Amino acid sequence: MSSIKIRSKRMDGKTQIRMLIAHPMEHGRNRDAKTDSLIPAHFIQKLTVKHNKNVIITGNIGANVSKDPYFAFMLKGGNIGDKITISWVDNLGNKDTQDHIVK
């Protein structure tokens, strides 16, 4: 099961894209309450959004983003049936990709 949930909505010639990513986003400075040891850093480093195989957003993300980040943006145009692909890679080499068809 993917860690990425994507929703889209057409409005006034634009397409609203919303995404929620299930990820711990640890910055490496928090302490484990039981052991008092530092929790290792674990965060998304790169987020990529594609529209019909064309990259429209590439973002470098750091440890300052909160747990389970939510992102939203407006895509100029976008038609019903277009494919949106969201992918991310974190600092531990984990990655995920999810496709969504605009409705």
PDB file of N, CA and C in Angstrom:
ATOM      1  N   MET A   1       0.838  -1.186   0.000  1.00  0.00           N
ATOM      2  CA  MET A   1       0.000   0.000   0.000  1.00  0.00           C
ATOM      3  C   MET A   1       0.881   1.247   0.000  1.00  0.00           C
ATOM      4  N   SER A   2       0.510   2.203  -0.793  1.00  0.00           N
ATOM      5  CA  SER A   2       1.308   3.416  -0.933  1.00  0.00           C
ATOM      6  C   SER A   2       1.165   4.335   0.279  1.00  0.00           C
ATOM      7  N   SER A   3       2.212   5.099   0.536  1.00  0.00           N
ATOM      8  CA  SER A   3       2.185   6.087   1.618  1.00  0.00           C
ATOM      9  C   SER A   3       1.603   7.410   1.147  1.00  0.00           C
ATOM     10  N   ILE A   4       1.238   7.501  -0.132  1.00  0.00           N
ATOM     11  CA  ILE A   4       0.780   8.754  -0.727  1.00  0.00           C
ATOM     12  C   ILE A   4      -0.705   8.676  -1.071  1.00  0.00           C
ATOM     13  N   LYS A   5      -1.458   9.670  -0.621  1.00  0.00           N
ATOM     14  CA  LYS A   5      -2.871   9.796  -1.001  1.00  0.00           C
ATOM     15  C   LYS A   5      -2.998  11.061  -1.842  1.00  0.00           C
ATOM     16  N   ILE A   6      -3.630  10.934  -2.998  1.00  0.00           N
ATOM     17  CA  ILE A   6      -3.759  12.058  -3.923  1.00  0.00           C
ATOM     18  C   ILE A   6      -5.231  12.311  -4.221  1.00  0.00           C
ATOM     19  N   ARG A   7      -5.615  13.561  -4.243  1.00  0.00           N
ATOM     20  CA  ARG A   7      -6.960  13.976  -4.636  1.00  0.00           C
ATOM     21  C   ARG A   7      -6.824  15.113  -5.644  1.00  0.00           C
ATOM     22  N   SER A   8      -7.750  15.168  -6.576  1.00  0.00           N
ATOM     23  CA  SER A   8      -7.751  16.261  -7.546  1.00  0.00           C
ATOM     24  C   SER A   8      -9.172  16.776  -7.723  1.00  0.00           C
ATOM     25  N   LYS A   9      -9.255  18.030  -8.129  1.00  0.00           N
ATOM     26  CA  LYS A   9     -10.567  18.655  -8.344  1.00  0.00           C
ATOM     27  C   LYS A   9     -10.422  19.711  -9.427  1.00  0.00           C
ATOM     28  N   ARG A  10     -11.227  19.595 -10.467  1.00  0.00           N
ATOM     29  CA  ARG A  10     -11.231  20.580 -11.553  1.00  0.00           C
ATOM     30  C   ARG A  10     -12.071  21.782 -11.138  1.00  0.00           C
ATOM     31  N   MET A  11     -11.553  22.987 -11.388  1.00  0.00           N
ATOM     32  CA  MET A  11     -12.310  24.199 -11.087  1.00  0.00           C
ATOM     33  C   MET A  11     -11.789  25.376 -11.910  1.00  0.00           C
ATOM     34  N   ASP A  12     -12.697  26.000 -12.627  1.00  0.00           N
ATOM     35  CA  ASP A  12     -12.388  27.219 -13.392  1.00  0.00           C
ATOM     36  C   ASP A  12     -11.165  27.079 -14.298  1.00  0.00           C
ATOM     37  N   GLY A  13     -11.067  25.995 -15.043  1.00  0.00           N
ATOM     38  CA  GLY A  13      -9.955  25.814 -15.973  1.00  0.00           C
ATOM     39  C   GLY A  13      -8.648  25.418 -15.327  1.00  0.00           C
ATOM     40  N   LYS A  14      -8.675  25.156 -14.032  1.00  0.00           N
ATOM     41  CA  LYS A  14      -7.486  24.738 -13.295  1.00  0.00           C
ATOM     42  C   LYS A  14      -7.785  23.421 -12.595  1.00  0.00           C
ATOM     43  N   THR A  15      -6.739  22.768 -12.131  1.00  0.00           N
ATOM     44  CA  THR A  15      -6.904  21.529 -11.389  1.00  0.00           C
ATOM     45  C   THR A  15      -6.203  21.663 -10.044  1.00  0.00           C
ATOM     46  N   GLN A  16      -6.957  21.467  -8.987  1.00  0.00           N
ATOM     47  CA  GLN A  16      -6.378  21.484  -7.653  1.00  0.00           C
ATOM     48  C   GLN A  16      -5.857  20.078  -7.353  1.00  0.00           C
ATOM     49  N   ILE A  17      -4.583  19.985  -6.967  1.00  0.00           N
ATOM     50  CA  ILE A  17      -3.963  18.721  -6.599  1.00  0.00           C
ATOM     51  C   ILE A  17      -3.634  18.794  -5.109  1.00  0.00           C
ATOM     52  N   ARG A  18      -4.099  17.803  -4.366  1.00  0.00           N
ATOM     53  CA  ARG A  18      -3.811  17.723  -2.931  1.00  0.00           C
ATOM     54  C   ARG A  18      -3.176  16.364  -2.647  1.00  0.00           C
ATOM     55  N   MET A  19      -2.161  16.356  -1.798  1.00  0.00           N
ATOM     56  CA  MET A  19      -1.523  15.091  -1.462  1.00  0.00           C
ATOM     57  C   MET A  19      -1.171  15.041   0.022  1.00  0.00           C
ATOM     58  N   LEU A  20      -1.293  13.847   0.574  1.00  0.00           N
ATOM     59  CA  LEU A  20      -0.942  13.581   1.965  1.00  0.00           C
ATOM     60  C   LEU A  20       0.026  12.408   1.941  1.00  0.00           C
ATOM     61  N   ILE A  21       1.174  12.571   2.585  1.00  0.00           N
ATOM     62  CA  ILE A  21       2.201  11.538   2.594  1.00  0.00           C
ATOM     63  C   ILE A  21       2.395  11.054   4.024  1.00  0.00           C
ATOM     64  N   ALA A  22       2.223   9.754   4.234  1.00  0.00           N
ATOM     65  CA  ALA A  22       2.451   9.160   5.555  1.00  0.00           C
ATOM     66  C   ALA A  22       3.957   8.933   5.714  1.00  0.00           C
ATOM     67  N   HIS A  23       4.579   9.751   6.558  1.00  0.00           N
ATOM     68  CA  HIS A  23       6.032   9.651   6.773  1.00  0.00           C
ATOM     69  C   HIS A  23       6.370  10.257   8.141  1.00  0.00           C
ATOM     70  N   PRO A  24       7.307   9.648   8.899  1.00  0.00           N
ATOM     71  CA  PRO A  24       7.606  10.154  10.247  1.00  0.00           C
ATOM     72  C   PRO A  24       8.290  11.515  10.287  1.00  0.00           C
ATOM     73  N   MET A  25       9.057  11.866   9.282  1.00  0.00           N
ATOM     74  CA  MET A  25       9.723  13.173   9.191  1.00  0.00           C
ATOM     75  C   MET A  25      10.478  13.545  10.486  1.00  0.00           C
ATOM     76  N   GLU A  26      11.325  12.651  10.951  1.00  0.00           N
ATOM     77  CA  GLU A  26      12.155  12.917  12.141  1.00  0.00           C
ATOM     78  C   GLU A  26      13.387  13.725  11.752  1.00  0.00           C
ATOM     79  N   HIS A  27      13.697  14.762  12.532  1.00  0.00           N
ATOM     80  CA  HIS A  27      14.835  15.630  12.218  1.00  0.00           C
ATOM     81  C   HIS A  27      16.120  15.212  12.915  1.00  0.00           C
ATOM     82  N   GLY A  28      16.045  14.249  13.831  1.00  0.00           N
ATOM     83  CA  GLY A  28      17.246  13.742  14.479  1.00  0.00           C
ATOM     84  C   GLY A  28      17.608  14.416  15.788  1.00  0.00           C
ATOM     85  N   ARG A  29      16.753  15.312  16.272  1.00  0.00           N
ATOM     86  CA  ARG A  29      17.037  16.000  17.533  1.00  0.00           C
ATOM     87  C   ARG A  29      16.059  15.624  18.645  1.00  0.00           C
ATOM     88  N   ASN A  30      15.045  14.817  18.327  1.00  0.00           N
ATOM     89  CA  ASN A  30      14.106  14.359  19.350  1.00  0.00           C
ATOM     90  C   ASN A  30      14.703  13.188  20.121  1.00  0.00           C
ATOM     91  N   ARG A  31      14.274  13.038  21.355  1.00  0.00           N
ATOM     92  CA  ARG A  31      14.751  11.931  22.188  1.00  0.00           C
ATOM     93  C   ARG A  31      13.626  10.936  22.413  1.00  0.00           C
ATOM     94  N   ASP A  32      13.997   9.665  22.442  1.00  0.00           N
ATOM     95  CA  ASP A  32      13.067   8.597  22.778  1.00  0.00           C
ATOM     96  C   ASP A  32      12.790   8.698  24.272  1.00  0.00           C
ATOM     97  N   ALA A  33      11.526   8.767  24.661  1.00  0.00           N
ATOM     98  CA  ALA A  33      11.148   8.949  26.062  1.00  0.00           C
ATOM     99  C   ALA A  33      11.579   7.775  26.937  1.00  0.00           C
ATOM    100  N   LYS A  34      11.596   6.581  26.395  1.00  0.00           N
ATOM    101  CA  LYS A  34      11.937   5.394  27.192  1.00  0.00           C
ATOM    102  C   LYS A  34      13.440   5.239  27.402  1.00  0.00           C
ATOM    103  N   THR A  35      14.221   5.468  26.365  1.00  0.00           N
ATOM    104  CA  THR A  35      15.668   5.230  26.456  1.00  0.00           C
ATOM    105  C   THR A  35      16.487   6.512  26.573  1.00  0.00           C
ATOM    106  N   ASP A  36      15.889   7.641  26.360  1.00  0.00           N
ATOM    107  CA  ASP A  36      16.544   8.947  26.373  1.00  0.00           C
ATOM    108  C   ASP A  36      17.632   9.068  25.300  1.00  0.00           C
ATOM    109  N   SER A  37      17.573   8.217  24.293  1.00  0.00           N
ATOM    110  CA  SER A  37      18.538   8.312  23.197  1.00  0.00           C
ATOM    111  C   SER A  37      17.908   9.109  22.046  1.00  0.00           C
ATOM    112  N   LEU A  38      18.759   9.678  21.215  1.00  0.00           N
ATOM    113  CA  LEU A  38      18.265  10.452  20.085  1.00  0.00           C
ATOM    114  C   LEU A  38      17.609   9.539  19.052  1.00  0.00           C
ATOM    115  N   ILE A  39      16.481   9.996  18.504  1.00  0.00           N
ATOM    116  CA  ILE A  39      15.804   9.282  17.415  1.00  0.00           C
ATOM    117  C   ILE A  39      16.526   9.682  16.128  1.00  0.00           C
ATOM    118  N   PRO A  40      16.992   8.718  15.347  1.00  0.00           N
ATOM    119  CA  PRO A  40      17.746   9.057  14.127  1.00  0.00           C
ATOM    120  C   PRO A  40      16.911   9.862  13.123  1.00  0.00           C
ATOM    121  N   ALA A  41      17.574  10.703  12.368  1.00  0.00           N
ATOM    122  CA  ALA A  41      16.907  11.496  11.331  1.00  0.00           C
ATOM    123  C   ALA A  41      16.314  10.574  10.271  1.00  0.00           C
ATOM    124  N   HIS A  42      15.093  10.890   9.861  1.00  0.00           N
ATOM    125  CA  HIS A  42      14.389  10.122   8.832  1.00  0.00           C
ATOM    126  C   HIS A  42      13.368  11.066   8.205  1.00  0.00           C
ATOM    127  N   PHE A  43      13.712  11.625   7.043  1.00  0.00           N
ATOM    128  CA  PHE A  43      12.846  12.626   6.439  1.00  0.00           C
ATOM    129  C   PHE A  43      12.903  12.535   4.916  1.00  0.00           C
ATOM    130  N   ILE A  44      11.873  13.049   4.271  1.00  0.00           N
ATOM    131  CA  ILE A  44      11.814  13.089   2.812  1.00  0.00           C
ATOM    132  C   ILE A  44      12.802  14.145   2.319  1.00  0.00           C
ATOM    133  N   GLN A  45      13.626  13.759   1.340  1.00  0.00           N
ATOM    134  CA  GLN A  45      14.588  14.704   0.783  1.00  0.00           C
ATOM    135  C   GLN A  45      14.128  15.303  -0.532  1.00  0.00           C
ATOM    136  N   LYS A  46      13.451  14.500  -1.355  1.00  0.00           N
ATOM    137  CA  LYS A  46      13.074  14.998  -2.677  1.00  0.00           C
ATOM    138  C   LYS A  46      11.646  14.579  -3.004  1.00  0.00           C
ATOM    139  N   LEU A  47      10.864  15.542  -3.452  1.00  0.00           N
ATOM    140  CA  LEU A  47       9.483  15.313  -3.865  1.00  0.00           C
ATOM    141  C   LEU A  47       9.366  15.719  -5.332  1.00  0.00           C
ATOM    142  N   THR A  48       8.761  14.841  -6.145  1.00  0.00           N
ATOM    143  CA  THR A  48       8.593  15.121  -7.566  1.00  0.00           C
ATOM    144  C   THR A  48       7.135  14.924  -7.958  1.00  0.00           C
ATOM    145  N   VAL A  49       6.608  15.867  -8.736  1.00  0.00           N
ATOM    146  CA  VAL A  49       5.244  15.788  -9.246  1.00  0.00           C
ATOM    147  C   VAL A  49       5.314  15.837 -10.763  1.00  0.00           C
ATOM    148  N   LYS A  50       4.659  14.867 -11.410  1.00  0.00           N
ATOM    149  CA  LYS A  50       4.620  14.815 -12.870  1.00  0.00           C
ATOM    150  C   LYS A  50       3.179  14.915 -13.348  1.00  0.00           C
ATOM    151  N   HIS A  51       3.007  15.589 -14.482  1.00  0.00           N
ATOM    152  CA  HIS A  51       1.718  15.694 -15.147  1.00  0.00           C
ATOM    153  C   HIS A  51       1.889  15.100 -16.530  1.00  0.00           C
ATOM    154  N   ASN A  52       1.249  13.960 -16.779  1.00  0.00           N
ATOM    155  CA  ASN A  52       1.406  13.242 -18.054  1.00  0.00           C
ATOM    156  C   ASN A  52       2.877  13.049 -18.419  1.00  0.00           C
ATOM    157  N   LYS A  53       3.668  12.557 -17.494  1.00  0.00           N
ATOM    158  CA  LYS A  53       5.104  12.250 -17.652  1.00  0.00           C
ATOM    159  C   LYS A  53       6.015  13.473 -17.729  1.00  0.00           C
ATOM    160  N   ASN A  54       5.468  14.685 -17.659  1.00  0.00           N
ATOM    161  CA  ASN A  54       6.277  15.907 -17.640  1.00  0.00           C
ATOM    162  C   ASN A  54       6.446  16.362 -16.197  1.00  0.00           C
ATOM    163  N   VAL A  55       7.684  16.572 -15.767  1.00  0.00           N
ATOM    164  CA  VAL A  55       7.938  17.042 -14.403  1.00  0.00           C
ATOM    165  C   VAL A  55       7.461  18.483 -14.279  1.00  0.00           C
ATOM    166  N   ILE A  56       6.562  18.717 -13.322  1.00  0.00           N
ATOM    167  CA  ILE A  56       6.064  20.084 -13.108  1.00  0.00           C
ATOM    168  C   ILE A  56       6.556  20.667 -11.787  1.00  0.00           C
ATOM    169  N   ILE A  57       6.908  19.801 -10.832  1.00  0.00           N
ATOM    170  CA  ILE A  57       7.445  20.266  -9.553  1.00  0.00           C
ATOM    171  C   ILE A  57       8.534  19.301  -9.102  1.00  0.00           C
ATOM    172  N   THR A  58       9.662  19.856  -8.685  1.00  0.00           N
ATOM    173  CA  THR A  58      10.698  19.099  -8.004  1.00  0.00           C
ATOM    174  C   THR A  58      11.087  19.926  -6.795  1.00  0.00           C
ATOM    175  N   GLY A  59      10.972  19.332  -5.637  1.00  0.00           N
ATOM    176  CA  GLY A  59      11.274  20.075  -4.424  1.00  0.00           C
ATOM    177  C   GLY A  59      12.226  19.328  -3.519  1.00  0.00           C
ATOM    178  N   ASN A  60      13.208  20.051  -2.992  1.00  0.00           N
ATOM    179  CA  ASN A  60      14.082  19.502  -1.972  1.00  0.00           C
ATOM    180  C   ASN A  60      13.473  19.826  -0.621  1.00  0.00           C
ATOM    181  N   ILE A  61      13.180  18.798   0.124  1.00  0.00           N
ATOM    182  CA  ILE A  61      12.512  18.963   1.406  1.00  0.00           C
ATOM    183  C   ILE A  61      13.497  18.576   2.491  1.00  0.00           C
ATOM    184  N   GLY A  62      13.377  19.208   3.620  1.00  0.00           N
ATOM    185  CA  GLY A  62      14.289  18.906   4.724  1.00  0.00           C
ATOM    186  C   GLY A  62      13.555  18.420   5.948  1.00  0.00           C
ATOM    187  N   ALA A  63      14.295  18.319   7.016  1.00  0.00           N
ATOM    188  CA  ALA A  63      13.768  17.799   8.269  1.00  0.00           C
ATOM    189  C   ALA A  63      12.822  18.774   8.965  1.00  0.00           C
ATOM    190  N   ASN A  64      12.702  19.987   8.468  1.00  0.00           N
ATOM    191  CA  ASN A  64      11.847  20.985   9.112  1.00  0.00           C
ATOM    192  C   ASN A  64      10.364  20.813   8.783  1.00  0.00           C
ATOM    193  N   VAL A  65      10.016  19.886   7.886  1.00  0.00           N
ATOM    194  CA  VAL A  65       8.616  19.646   7.532  1.00  0.00           C
ATOM    195  C   VAL A  65       8.019  18.669   8.546  1.00  0.00           C
ATOM    196  N   SER A  66       6.771  18.904   8.926  1.00  0.00           N
ATOM    197  CA  SER A  66       6.145  18.102   9.978  1.00  0.00           C
ATOM    198  C   SER A  66       5.806  16.679   9.529  1.00  0.00           C
ATOM    199  N   LYS A  67       5.510  15.838  10.507  1.00  0.00           N
ATOM    200  CA  LYS A  67       5.126  14.447  10.272  1.00  0.00           C
ATOM    201  C   LYS A  67       3.898  14.398   9.362  1.00  0.00           C
ATOM    202  N   ASP A  68       3.831  13.392   8.486  1.00  0.00           N
ATOM    203  CA  ASP A  68       2.728  13.200   7.547  1.00  0.00           C
ATOM    204  C   ASP A  68       2.410  14.489   6.783  1.00  0.00           C
ATOM    205  N   PRO A  69       3.367  14.969   5.980  1.00  0.00           N
ATOM    206  CA  PRO A  69       3.172  16.266   5.303  1.00  0.00           C
ATOM    207  C   PRO A  69       2.022  16.263   4.293  1.00  0.00           C
ATOM    208  N   TYR A  70       1.383  17.430   4.214  1.00  0.00           N
ATOM    209  CA  TYR A  70       0.278  17.689   3.291  1.00  0.00           C
ATOM    210  C   TYR A  70       0.724  18.811   2.365  1.00  0.00           C
ATOM    211  N   PHE A  71       0.561  18.592   1.064  1.00  0.00           N
ATOM    212  CA  PHE A  71       0.901  19.609   0.066  1.00  0.00           C
ATOM    213  C   PHE A  71      -0.295  19.795  -0.864  1.00  0.00           C
ATOM    214  N   ALA A  72      -0.505  21.019  -1.317  1.00  0.00           N
ATOM    215  CA  ALA A  72      -1.581  21.308  -2.264  1.00  0.00           C
ATOM    216  C   ALA A  72      -1.100  22.398  -3.214  1.00  0.00           C
ATOM    217  N   PHE A  73      -1.545  22.307  -4.455  1.00  0.00           N
ATOM    218  CA  PHE A  73      -1.202  23.328  -5.433  1.00  0.00           C
ATOM    219  C   PHE A  73      -2.231  23.319  -6.549  1.00  0.00           C
ATOM    220  N   MET A  74      -2.234  24.399  -7.337  1.00  0.00           N
ATOM    221  CA  MET A  74      -3.124  24.529  -8.485  1.00  0.00           C
ATOM    222  C   MET A  74      -2.316  24.313  -9.753  1.00  0.00           C
ATOM    223  N   LEU A  75      -2.838  23.464 -10.620  1.00  0.00           N
ATOM    224  CA  LEU A  75      -2.227  23.190 -11.910  1.00  0.00           C
ATOM    225  C   LEU A  75      -3.021  23.944 -12.965  1.00  0.00           C
ATOM    226  N   LYS A  76      -2.356  24.813 -13.715  1.00  0.00           N
ATOM    227  CA  LYS A  76      -3.034  25.538 -14.772  1.00  0.00           C
ATOM    228  C   LYS A  76      -3.394  24.539 -15.865  1.00  0.00           C
ATOM    229  N   GLY A  77      -4.656  24.414 -16.156  1.00  0.00           N
ATOM    230  CA  GLY A  77      -5.118  23.426 -17.128  1.00  0.00           C
ATOM    231  C   GLY A  77      -5.346  22.090 -16.446  1.00  0.00           C
ATOM    232  N   GLY A  78      -4.941  21.041 -17.100  1.00  0.00           N
ATOM    233  CA  GLY A  78      -5.208  19.705 -16.571  1.00  0.00           C
ATOM    234  C   GLY A  78      -6.606  19.288 -16.986  1.00  0.00           C
ATOM    235  N   ASN A  79      -6.714  18.173 -17.646  1.00  0.00           N
ATOM    236  CA  ASN A  79      -7.997  17.706 -18.139  1.00  0.00           C
ATOM    237  C   ASN A  79      -8.385  16.399 -17.469  1.00  0.00           C
ATOM    238  N   ILE A  80      -9.664  16.083 -17.545  1.00  0.00           N
ATOM    239  CA  ILE A  80     -10.138  14.810 -17.033  1.00  0.00           C
ATOM    240  C   ILE A  80      -9.415  13.703 -17.790  1.00  0.00           C
ATOM    241  N   GLY A  81      -8.885  12.737 -17.054  1.00  0.00           N
ATOM    242  CA  GLY A  81      -8.139  11.642 -17.649  1.00  0.00           C
ATOM    243  C   GLY A  81      -6.628  11.838 -17.644  1.00  0.00           C
ATOM    244  N   ASP A  82      -6.154  13.048 -17.321  1.00  0.00           N
ATOM    245  CA  ASP A  82      -4.719  13.279 -17.227  1.00  0.00           C
ATOM    246  C   ASP A  82      -4.141  12.501 -16.045  1.00  0.00           C
ATOM    247  N   LYS A  83      -2.875  12.131 -16.165  1.00  0.00           N
ATOM    248  CA  LYS A  83      -2.212  11.340 -15.134  1.00  0.00           C
ATOM    249  C   LYS A  83      -1.277  12.215 -14.304  1.00  0.00           C
ATOM    250  N   ILE A  84      -1.451  12.163 -12.994  1.00  0.00           N
ATOM    251  CA  ILE A  84      -0.580  12.851 -12.049  1.00  0.00           C
ATOM    252  C   ILE A  84       0.218  11.773 -11.323  1.00  0.00           C
ATOM    253  N   THR A  85       1.544  11.932 -11.266  1.00  0.00           N
ATOM    254  CA  THR A  85       2.401  10.983 -10.569  1.00  0.00           C
ATOM    255  C   THR A  85       3.191  11.723  -9.503  1.00  0.00           C
ATOM    256  N   ILE A  86       3.087  11.247  -8.268  1.00  0.00           N
ATOM    257  CA  ILE A  86       3.812  11.826  -7.141  1.00  0.00           C
ATOM    258  C   ILE A  86       4.841  10.796  -6.686  1.00  0.00           C
ATOM    259  N   SER A  87       6.078  11.241  -6.467  1.00  0.00           N
ATOM    260  CA  SER A  87       7.097  10.334  -5.942  1.00  0.00           C
ATOM    261  C   SER A  87       7.979  11.080  -4.952  1.00  0.00           C
ATOM    262  N   TRP A  88       8.545  10.327  -4.003  1.00  0.00           N
ATOM    263  CA  TRP A  88       9.465  10.899  -3.030  1.00  0.00           C
ATOM    264  C   TRP A  88      10.590   9.915  -2.734  1.00  0.00           C
ATOM    265  N   VAL A  89      11.704  10.476  -2.243  1.00  0.00           N
ATOM    266  CA  VAL A  89      12.856   9.700  -1.785  1.00  0.00           C
ATOM    267  C   VAL A  89      13.283  10.307  -0.461  1.00  0.00           C
ATOM    268  N   ASP A  90      13.567   9.440   0.542  1.00  0.00           N
ATOM    269  CA  ASP A  90      13.988   9.987   1.835  1.00  0.00           C
ATOM    270  C   ASP A  90      15.481   9.789   2.069  1.00  0.00           C
ATOM    271  N   ASN A  91      15.976  10.290   3.194  1.00  0.00           N
ATOM    272  CA  ASN A  91      17.410  10.266   3.484  1.00  0.00           C
ATOM    273  C   ASN A  91      17.943   8.865   3.770  1.00  0.00           C
ATOM    274  N   LEU A  92      17.066   7.883   3.949  1.00  0.00           N
ATOM    275  CA  LEU A  92      17.504   6.504   4.171  1.00  0.00           C
ATOM    276  C   LEU A  92      17.416   5.672   2.891  1.00  0.00           C
ATOM    277  N   GLY A  93      17.047   6.305   1.787  1.00  0.00           N
ATOM    278  CA  GLY A  93      16.958   5.610   0.515  1.00  0.00           C
ATOM    279  C   GLY A  93      15.596   4.992   0.233  1.00  0.00           C
ATOM    280  N   ASN A  94      14.650   5.139   1.149  1.00  0.00           N
ATOM    281  CA  ASN A  94      13.290   4.655   0.906  1.00  0.00           C
ATOM    282  C   ASN A  94      12.635   5.546  -0.133  1.00  0.00           C
ATOM    283  N   LYS A  95      11.707   4.975  -0.892  1.00  0.00           N
ATOM    284  CA  LYS A  95      10.998   5.771  -1.896  1.00  0.00           C
ATOM    285  C   LYS A  95       9.607   5.213  -2.114  1.00  0.00           C
ATOM    286  N   ASP A  96       8.756   6.046  -2.684  1.00  0.00           N
ATOM    287  CA  ASP A  96       7.387   5.638  -3.007  1.00  0.00           C
ATOM    288  C   ASP A  96       6.911   6.464  -4.178  1.00  0.00           C
ATOM    289  N   THR A  97       5.990   5.883  -4.941  1.00  0.00           N
ATOM    290  CA  THR A  97       5.393   6.546  -6.094  1.00  0.00           C
ATOM    291  C   THR A  97       3.919   6.184  -6.139  1.00  0.00           C
ATOM    292  N   GLN A  98       3.099   7.161  -6.503  1.00  0.00           N
ATOM    293  CA  GLN A  98       1.661   6.923  -6.639  1.00  0.00           C
ATOM    294  C   GLN A  98       1.144   7.663  -7.857  1.00  0.00           C
ATOM    295  N   ASP A  99       0.309   6.993  -8.644  1.00  0.00           N
ATOM    296  CA  ASP A  99      -0.340   7.608  -9.809  1.00  0.00           C
ATOM    297  C   ASP A  99      -1.773   7.953  -9.470  1.00  0.00           C
ATOM    298  N   HIS A 100      -2.287   8.993 -10.142  1.00  0.00           N
ATOM    299  CA  HIS A 100      -3.667   9.436  -9.941  1.00  0.00           C
ATOM    300  C   HIS A 100      -4.193   9.940 -11.278  1.00  0.00           C
ATOM    301  N   ILE A 101      -5.413   9.584 -11.604  1.00  0.00           N
ATOM    302  CA  ILE A 101      -6.066  10.069 -12.817  1.00  0.00           C
ATOM    303  C   ILE A 101      -7.031  11.191 -12.439  1.00  0.00           C
ATOM    304  N   VAL A 102      -6.902  12.345 -13.074  1.00  0.00           N
ATOM    305  CA  VAL A 102      -7.771  13.491 -12.788  1.00  0.00           C
ATOM    306  C   VAL A 102      -9.192  13.149 -13.188  1.00  0.00           C
ATOM    307  N   LYS A 103     -10.133  13.394 -12.285  1.00  0.00           N
ATOM    308  CA  LYS A 103     -11.549  13.089 -12.524  1.00  0.00           C
ATOM    309  C   LYS A 103     -12.345  14.358 -12.687  1.00  0.00           C
TER     310      LYS A 103
END
